[in-house]
Protein backbone atom coordinates (compact mmCIF):
# COMPACT_ATOMS: atom_id res chain seq x y z
CA UNK A 1 172.62 133.64 102.27
CA UNK A 2 173.67 133.63 98.63
CA UNK A 3 172.87 131.32 95.76
CA UNK A 4 176.28 131.19 94.10
CA UNK A 5 178.32 128.03 94.72
CA UNK A 6 181.66 128.48 96.45
CA UNK A 7 183.23 125.88 94.13
CA UNK A 8 184.17 128.43 91.45
CA UNK A 9 185.68 130.74 94.07
CA UNK A 10 187.68 127.88 95.54
CA UNK A 11 189.00 126.88 92.14
CA UNK A 12 189.94 130.46 91.35
CA UNK A 13 191.90 130.83 94.58
CA UNK A 14 193.43 127.37 94.21
CA UNK A 15 194.98 128.55 90.96
CA UNK A 16 195.98 131.98 92.27
CA UNK A 17 197.62 130.47 95.39
CA UNK A 18 199.08 127.45 93.50
CA UNK A 19 202.59 127.91 94.90
CA UNK A 20 201.57 127.85 98.56
CA UNK A 21 202.42 124.50 100.25
CA UNK A 22 199.47 122.08 99.93
CA UNK A 23 199.08 121.50 103.69
CA UNK A 24 198.22 125.24 104.15
CA UNK A 25 196.53 126.12 100.88
CA UNK A 26 193.11 124.40 101.06
CA UNK A 27 192.64 125.24 104.72
CA UNK A 28 193.40 128.91 103.91
CA UNK A 29 190.98 128.93 100.95
CA UNK A 30 188.15 127.24 102.91
CA UNK A 31 188.32 129.58 105.93
CA UNK A 32 188.68 132.73 103.78
CA UNK A 33 185.58 131.81 101.74
CA UNK A 34 183.84 131.13 105.07
CA UNK A 35 184.66 134.67 106.25
CA UNK A 36 183.29 136.16 103.01
CA UNK A 37 180.10 134.01 103.18
CA UNK A 38 179.44 134.97 106.81
CA UNK A 39 180.07 138.67 106.05
CA UNK A 40 177.70 138.66 103.05
CA UNK A 41 175.00 136.96 105.12
CA UNK A 42 175.40 139.46 108.01
CA UNK A 43 176.38 136.58 110.36
CA UNK A 44 178.74 138.82 112.36
CA UNK A 45 179.43 136.43 115.25
CA UNK A 46 180.28 133.73 112.74
CA UNK A 47 182.60 136.08 110.90
CA UNK A 48 184.57 136.51 114.15
CA UNK A 49 184.78 132.74 114.68
CA UNK A 50 185.98 132.25 111.14
CA UNK A 51 188.55 135.07 111.63
CA UNK A 52 190.13 133.15 114.51
CA UNK A 53 190.55 130.08 112.27
CA UNK A 54 191.92 132.26 109.42
CA UNK A 55 194.57 133.71 111.73
CA UNK A 56 195.57 130.26 112.93
CA UNK A 57 196.14 129.06 109.34
CA UNK A 58 198.03 132.20 108.19
CA UNK A 59 200.32 132.22 111.21
CA UNK A 60 201.39 128.62 110.49
CA UNK A 61 202.06 129.52 106.85
CA UNK A 62 204.21 132.50 107.95
CA UNK A 63 206.05 130.31 110.47
CA UNK A 64 206.80 127.87 107.69
CA UNK A 65 208.16 130.56 105.43
CA UNK A 66 210.27 132.29 108.08
CA UNK A 67 211.50 129.41 110.21
CA UNK A 68 211.07 126.42 107.92
CA UNK A 69 208.67 124.73 110.32
CA UNK A 70 205.29 125.55 111.94
CA UNK A 71 203.05 124.63 114.86
CA UNK A 72 201.23 121.47 113.73
CA UNK A 73 197.54 121.67 112.92
CA UNK A 74 195.50 120.29 115.78
CA UNK A 75 197.87 121.74 118.38
CA UNK A 76 196.72 125.03 119.96
CA UNK A 77 198.70 128.18 119.23
CA UNK A 78 199.73 129.17 122.83
CA UNK A 79 199.73 132.95 122.29
CA UNK A 80 198.94 134.44 118.87
CA UNK A 81 200.54 137.83 119.57
CA UNK A 82 203.74 136.24 120.88
CA UNK A 83 204.02 133.98 117.84
CA UNK A 84 203.58 136.99 115.55
CA UNK A 85 206.25 138.94 117.41
CA UNK A 86 208.68 136.05 117.00
CA UNK A 87 208.21 136.35 113.21
CA UNK A 88 208.49 140.15 113.25
CA UNK A 89 211.71 140.17 115.28
CA UNK A 90 213.37 137.30 113.41
CA UNK A 91 216.58 138.23 111.53
CA UNK A 92 217.34 134.84 110.08
CA UNK A 93 214.96 134.66 107.19
CA UNK A 94 215.05 135.70 103.54
CA UNK A 95 211.25 135.90 103.44
CA UNK A 96 209.77 139.14 102.07
CA UNK A 97 209.11 142.06 104.36
CA UNK A 98 205.40 141.60 103.79
CA UNK A 99 205.62 138.05 105.26
CA UNK A 100 207.95 138.96 108.09
CA UNK A 101 206.67 142.35 109.15
CA UNK A 102 203.31 143.42 107.73
CA UNK A 103 201.19 140.25 107.68
CA UNK A 104 202.01 139.31 111.29
CA UNK A 105 200.78 142.73 112.38
CA UNK A 106 197.61 142.29 110.36
CA UNK A 107 197.02 138.98 112.10
CA UNK A 108 197.52 140.59 115.52
CA UNK A 109 194.97 143.24 114.54
CA UNK A 110 192.33 140.76 113.34
CA UNK A 111 192.85 138.45 116.34
CA UNK A 112 192.70 141.34 118.83
CA UNK A 113 189.52 142.70 117.24
CA UNK A 114 188.01 139.22 117.27
CA UNK A 115 188.88 138.66 120.97
CA UNK A 116 188.39 142.09 122.51
CA UNK A 117 185.18 143.23 120.83
CA UNK A 118 182.85 140.44 121.89
CA UNK A 119 183.11 138.46 118.63
CA UNK A 120 183.03 134.72 119.21
CA UNK A 121 182.87 135.05 123.04
CA UNK A 122 179.99 135.18 125.49
CA UNK A 123 179.95 138.20 127.77
CA UNK A 124 181.92 140.66 125.69
CA UNK A 125 181.65 144.33 126.59
CA UNK A 126 180.74 145.27 122.99
CA UNK A 127 178.55 143.14 120.77
CA UNK A 128 179.89 142.09 117.36
CA UNK A 129 178.61 144.49 114.76
CA UNK A 130 178.70 145.18 111.04
CA UNK A 131 181.69 147.51 111.20
CA UNK A 132 183.83 145.00 113.09
CA UNK A 133 182.83 142.22 110.71
CA UNK A 134 183.53 144.37 107.62
CA UNK A 135 186.96 145.37 109.00
CA UNK A 136 187.88 141.72 109.58
CA UNK A 137 186.69 140.82 106.08
CA UNK A 138 188.61 143.63 104.40
CA UNK A 139 191.81 142.86 106.34
CA UNK A 140 191.50 139.20 105.29
CA UNK A 141 191.08 140.44 101.71
CA UNK A 142 194.38 142.35 101.99
CA UNK A 143 196.21 139.31 103.34
CA UNK A 144 194.90 137.11 100.53
CA UNK A 145 195.90 139.79 97.99
CA UNK A 146 199.44 139.86 99.40
CA UNK A 147 199.69 136.08 99.25
CA UNK A 148 198.45 135.97 95.69
CA UNK A 149 200.89 138.73 94.77
CA UNK A 150 203.82 136.95 96.42
CA UNK A 151 203.13 133.35 95.46
CA UNK A 152 201.70 133.85 92.00
CA UNK A 153 203.98 136.72 90.96
CA UNK A 154 201.02 138.94 90.05
CA UNK A 155 200.80 142.67 90.40
CA UNK A 156 198.85 144.04 93.39
CA UNK A 157 196.16 145.25 90.94
CA UNK A 158 195.80 141.77 89.41
CA UNK A 159 195.59 140.19 92.84
CA UNK A 160 192.95 142.77 93.86
CA UNK A 161 190.89 141.90 90.77
CA UNK A 162 190.78 138.27 91.87
CA UNK A 163 189.73 139.14 95.44
CA UNK A 164 187.17 141.66 94.18
CA UNK A 165 185.54 138.94 92.07
CA UNK A 166 184.99 136.99 95.34
CA UNK A 167 183.88 139.99 97.32
CA UNK A 168 180.88 140.81 95.15
CA UNK A 169 177.63 140.30 97.06
CA UNK A 170 175.40 137.88 95.16
CA UNK A 171 171.61 137.86 94.95
CA UNK A 172 170.38 136.47 98.31
CA UNK A 173 168.17 133.46 98.57
CA UNK A 174 166.84 134.75 101.89
CA UNK A 175 165.91 138.43 101.99
CA UNK A 176 165.40 140.20 105.31
CA UNK A 177 163.19 143.32 105.33
CA UNK A 178 161.30 145.16 108.06
CA UNK A 179 161.69 142.35 110.59
CA UNK A 180 160.48 139.69 108.12
CA UNK A 181 162.31 137.13 106.01
CA UNK A 182 161.36 135.94 102.52
CA UNK A 183 162.77 133.12 100.41
CA UNK A 184 163.24 134.53 96.95
CA UNK A 185 163.34 131.21 95.03
CA UNK A 186 159.73 130.75 93.96
CA UNK A 187 160.09 127.09 92.97
CA UNK A 188 160.77 125.93 96.50
CA UNK A 189 157.98 124.37 98.54
CA UNK A 190 157.08 125.31 102.12
CA UNK A 191 159.29 122.65 103.75
CA UNK A 192 162.32 123.69 101.67
CA UNK A 193 161.65 127.36 102.50
CA UNK A 194 161.49 126.55 106.26
CA UNK A 195 164.86 124.76 106.04
CA UNK A 196 166.45 127.69 104.27
CA UNK A 197 165.00 130.20 106.73
CA UNK A 198 166.31 128.15 109.69
CA UNK A 199 169.69 127.85 107.97
CA UNK A 200 169.88 131.67 107.93
CA UNK A 201 169.31 131.62 111.70
CA UNK A 202 171.58 128.73 112.67
CA UNK A 203 172.89 130.51 115.80
CA UNK A 204 169.37 130.49 117.32
CA UNK A 205 165.93 128.94 116.91
CA UNK A 206 162.91 130.66 115.24
CA UNK A 207 159.37 130.86 116.55
CA UNK A 208 157.02 128.65 114.60
CA UNK A 209 154.58 131.54 114.11
CA UNK A 210 157.36 133.62 112.52
CA UNK A 211 158.23 130.77 110.16
CA UNK A 212 154.58 130.41 109.22
CA UNK A 213 154.32 134.14 108.48
CA UNK A 214 157.54 134.21 106.51
CA UNK A 215 156.48 131.28 104.35
CA UNK A 216 152.91 132.70 104.15
CA UNK A 217 151.34 129.36 104.89
CA UNK A 218 147.85 128.72 106.33
CA UNK A 219 148.35 128.92 110.14
CA UNK A 220 145.90 126.12 110.93
CA UNK A 221 147.77 123.63 108.71
CA UNK A 222 151.39 124.76 109.11
CA UNK A 223 152.34 122.55 112.06
CA UNK A 224 150.78 119.34 110.79
CA UNK A 225 151.67 119.64 107.10
CA UNK A 226 155.10 121.24 107.42
CA UNK A 227 156.75 121.23 110.83
CA UNK A 228 155.66 117.79 111.97
CA UNK A 229 156.91 116.14 108.76
CA UNK A 230 160.32 117.93 109.00
CA UNK A 231 160.50 117.00 112.71
CA UNK A 232 159.75 113.35 111.97
CA UNK A 233 162.54 113.28 109.39
CA UNK A 234 164.86 114.77 112.00
CA UNK A 235 165.58 117.73 109.77
CA UNK A 236 164.37 120.15 112.49
CA UNK A 237 163.60 120.07 116.21
CA UNK A 238 160.20 121.56 116.98
CA UNK A 239 159.85 122.27 120.69
CA UNK A 240 156.06 122.31 121.08
CA UNK A 241 156.22 123.77 124.57
CA UNK A 242 158.18 126.89 123.61
CA UNK A 243 157.08 126.77 119.95
CA UNK A 244 160.69 127.35 118.88
CA UNK A 245 162.08 125.53 115.87
CA UNK A 246 165.73 124.59 115.40
CA UNK A 247 167.58 123.29 112.35
CA UNK A 248 169.29 119.93 112.92
CA UNK A 249 172.75 118.99 111.57
CA UNK A 250 170.94 116.67 109.15
CA UNK A 251 168.77 119.60 107.98
CA UNK A 252 171.80 121.85 107.57
CA UNK A 253 173.56 119.22 105.43
CA UNK A 254 170.46 118.88 103.25
CA UNK A 255 170.36 122.66 102.68
CA UNK A 256 174.06 122.77 101.76
CA UNK A 257 173.86 119.76 99.43
CA UNK A 258 170.50 120.29 97.74
CA UNK A 259 169.20 123.84 98.17
CA UNK A 260 172.22 126.16 97.97
């Protein structure tokens, strides 16, 4: 979890991709930044889920450029590999070779890695891991570089500079070390720290005793002074039987709007 707002990154990409049709551009920017955020936070399963959405946006943009029309958003792409092959084998387009040949293959690679390596699916043979997530992220970087180069008429080096400025890992708010987590913003109170810690574990709950230890709060007062108040405000769900704490959608919204 990083402290830098994504607004500046979004504005930078909005300018660099200014010539991409509006109906594709913002969706492309949002999901690309989502991939970068998940990668920097080591949320490898989430990186895979974002990668699927990224492919679905890019394939529609390529369809638009090659055929003049695309599958509408909201309607499922029936077979990603087949749709990519239609673009690759098309002989009726004046689109660049990168759009017709190379990017569709990059999409097939990302989508195959996402589907066949356990990312975003229950019961995969191989768990999502750091190498898979990094490979997806770097391939998405290349696609964005190509789109910037093509649509903004920049050199590959200039496009890479823009992507590199987004790829820099920022100082984390939540630091994980030796099985523990620490919130590095000293001005935050215990309730705010709990919300941030749960936000960094959105895919699962956290034991109340772990939260107490991570926040370094007095154990005999943690439940009554911190968890019960957050639970009453519906920012968390505290299951007192299992002693597992979950972040609610309301709590996640508060973190994104006020704490990040």
